[in-house]
C-alpha atoms as a PDB file:
ATOM      1  CA  MET A   1     -35.597  -8.847 -29.027  1.00  0.00           C
ATOM      2  CA  GLY A   2     -33.817  -6.255 -26.350  1.00  0.00           C
ATOM      3  CA  HIS A   3     -31.437  -4.365 -26.227  1.00  0.00           C
ATOM      4  CA  PRO A   4     -28.973  -4.880 -23.638  1.00  0.00           C
ATOM      5  CA  LEU A   5     -28.054  -2.883 -20.621  1.00  0.00           C
ATOM      6  CA  PRO A   6     -25.437  -0.465 -20.538  1.00  0.00           C
ATOM      7  CA  ILE A   7     -22.961  -1.199 -17.906  1.00  0.00           C
ATOM      8  CA  TYR A   8     -23.914   1.981 -16.047  1.00  0.00           C
ATOM      9  CA  ASN A   9     -27.032   0.088 -14.994  1.00  0.00           C
ATOM     10  CA  ARG A  10     -26.394  -3.406 -13.975  1.00  0.00           C
ATOM     11  CA  ARG A  11     -27.385  -4.173 -10.814  1.00  0.00           C
ATOM     12  CA  VAL A  12     -23.622  -4.072  -8.549  1.00  0.00           C
ATOM     13  CA  PRO A  13     -23.359  -7.384  -6.443  1.00  0.00           C
ATOM     14  CA  LEU A  14     -23.233  -5.991  -3.322  1.00  0.00           C
ATOM     15  CA  LYS A  15     -20.078  -6.787   0.369  1.00  0.00           C
ATOM     16  CA  PRO A  16     -21.209  -9.923   2.124  1.00  0.00           C
ATOM     17  CA  LYS A  17     -22.773  -8.355   5.301  1.00  0.00           C
ATOM     18  CA  ILE A  18     -19.809  -9.575   7.996  1.00  0.00           C
ATOM     19  CA  THR A  19     -21.147 -11.627  11.037  1.00  0.00           C
ATOM     20  CA  LEU A  20     -19.874 -10.643  14.171  1.00  0.00           C
ATOM     21  CA  LYS A  21     -19.134 -13.884  16.670  1.00  0.00           C
ATOM     22  CA  CYS A  22     -18.641 -14.199  20.588  1.00  0.00           C
ATOM     23  CA  PRO A  23     -15.043 -15.431  21.080  1.00  0.00           C
ATOM     24  CA  ILE A  24     -15.472 -17.513  23.905  1.00  0.00           C
ATOM     25  CA  CYS A  25     -19.183 -19.894  22.725  1.00  0.00           C
ATOM     26  CA  LYS A  26     -18.893 -18.045  18.577  1.00  0.00           C
ATOM     27  CA  LYS A  27     -22.872 -17.533  17.872  1.00  0.00           C
ATOM     28  CA  ALA A  28     -23.702 -14.710  16.919  1.00  0.00           C
ATOM     29  CA  VAL A  29     -23.271 -10.847  18.266  1.00  0.00           C
ATOM     30  CA  ALA A  30     -25.185  -7.975  17.244  1.00  0.00           C
ATOM     31  CA  LYS A  31     -22.708  -4.330  17.519  1.00  0.00           C
ATOM     32  CA  ALA A  32     -24.406  -2.802  19.099  1.00  0.00           C
ATOM     33  CA  ALA A  33     -25.164  -5.936  21.850  1.00  0.00           C
ATOM     34  CA  GLU A  34     -25.021  -5.075  25.989  1.00  0.00           C
ATOM     35  CA  ASP A  35     -21.624  -7.322  26.062  1.00  0.00           C
ATOM     36  CA  PHE A  36     -20.586  -6.774  22.765  1.00  0.00           C
ATOM     37  CA  PRO A  37     -18.211  -8.730  21.609  1.00  0.00           C
ATOM     38  CA  PHE A  38     -19.360 -11.688  23.397  1.00  0.00           C
ATOM     39  CA  CYS A  39     -22.796 -12.811  23.749  1.00  0.00           C
ATOM     40  CA  SER A  40     -23.674 -13.237  27.375  1.00  0.00           C
ATOM     41  CA  GLU A  41     -22.642 -12.021  30.646  1.00  0.00           C
ATOM     42  CA  ARG A  42     -21.282 -15.160  31.168  1.00  0.00           C
ATOM     43  CA  CYS A  43     -18.783 -15.333  27.686  1.00  0.00           C
ATOM     44  CA  ARG A  44     -17.528 -11.634  29.179  1.00  0.00           C
ATOM     45  CA  LEU A  45     -16.827 -13.117  32.923  1.00  0.00           C
ATOM     46  CA  ILE A  46     -14.972 -16.913  31.194  1.00  0.00           C
ATOM     47  CA  ASP A  47     -12.750 -14.381  29.440  1.00  0.00           C
ATOM     48  CA  LEU A  48     -12.121 -12.275  31.562  1.00  0.00           C
ATOM     49  CA  GLY A  49     -10.972 -15.597  33.597  1.00  0.00           C
ATOM     50  CA  LYS A  50      -9.082 -16.483  30.916  1.00  0.00           C
ATOM     51  CA  TRP A  51      -6.601 -13.017  31.106  1.00  0.00           C
ATOM     52  CA  ALA A  52      -6.822 -13.784  35.295  1.00  0.00           C
ATOM     53  CA  SER A  53      -5.427 -17.052  35.528  1.00  0.00           C
ATOM     54  CA  GLY A  54      -2.585 -15.925  32.446  1.00  0.00           C
ATOM     55  CA  GLN A  55      -4.655 -18.679  30.200  1.00  0.00           C
ATOM     56  CA  TYR A  56      -3.992 -15.386  27.884  1.00  0.00           C
ATOM     57  CA  VAL A  57      -0.690 -12.879  27.383  1.00  0.00           C
ATOM     58  CA  VAL A  58       1.148  -9.892  25.861  1.00  0.00           C
ATOM     59  CA  SER A  59       3.727 -10.751  24.095  1.00  0.00           C
ATOM     60  CA  SER A  60       6.295  -8.232  23.414  1.00  0.00           C
ATOM     61  CA  GLN A  61       8.765  -8.007  20.633  1.00  0.00           C
ATOM     62  CA  VAL A  62      11.797 -10.033  21.173  1.00  0.00           C
ATOM     63  CA  HIS A  63      15.259  -8.683  20.563  1.00  0.00           C
ATOM     64  CA  ASP A  64      18.098 -10.484  19.433  1.00  0.00           C
ATOM     65  CA  THR A  65      21.576  -9.558  20.631  1.00  0.00           C
ATOM     66  CA  ASP A  66      24.475  -8.734  18.378  1.00  0.00           C
ATOM     67  CA  ASP A  67      27.447 -11.026  19.556  1.00  0.00           C
ATOM     68  CA  GLU A  68      28.983  -7.226  19.149  1.00  0.00           C
ATOM     69  CA  ASP A  69      26.453  -5.826  22.211  1.00  0.00           C
ATOM     70  CA  ILE A  70      27.646  -9.360  24.297  1.00  0.00           C
ATOM     71  CA  GLN A  71      30.886  -8.762  23.769  1.00  0.00           C
ATOM     72  CA  ASN A  72      30.556  -4.917  24.923  1.00  0.00           C
ATOM     73  CA  LEU A  73      29.303  -6.031  28.142  1.00  0.00           C
ATOM     74  CA  ARG A  74      32.321  -8.130  28.768  1.00  0.00           C
ATOM     75  CA  ASP A  75      34.482  -5.685  28.105  1.00  0.00           C
ATOM     76  CA  THR A  76      32.428  -2.893  30.630  1.00  0.00           C
ATOM     77  CA  PRO A  77      33.766  -2.744  34.485  1.00  0.00           C
ATOM     78  CA  ASP A  78      31.372  -3.826  36.553  1.00  0.00           C
ATOM     79  CA  GLU A  79      31.331  -0.928  39.060  1.00  0.00           C
ATOM     80  CA  ASP A  80      31.792  -2.440  42.767  1.00  0.00           C
END
């Protein structure tokens, strides 16, 4: 009967490989691909078109205005 292997000799499971996917068509993409992160020039142009047409936007944080700030604006005299 064999002896159990010590903990330091046991095989350690490998980390799963991360598969990178094209954001447009979801095909697998190699990190070294010419059109990375896209799979092709076609998908790159589709993405560019979405930015150009306004389908994609970079939003900014929404800042709530305190009631005190609004009151201060009302109390400030106009400089006409």
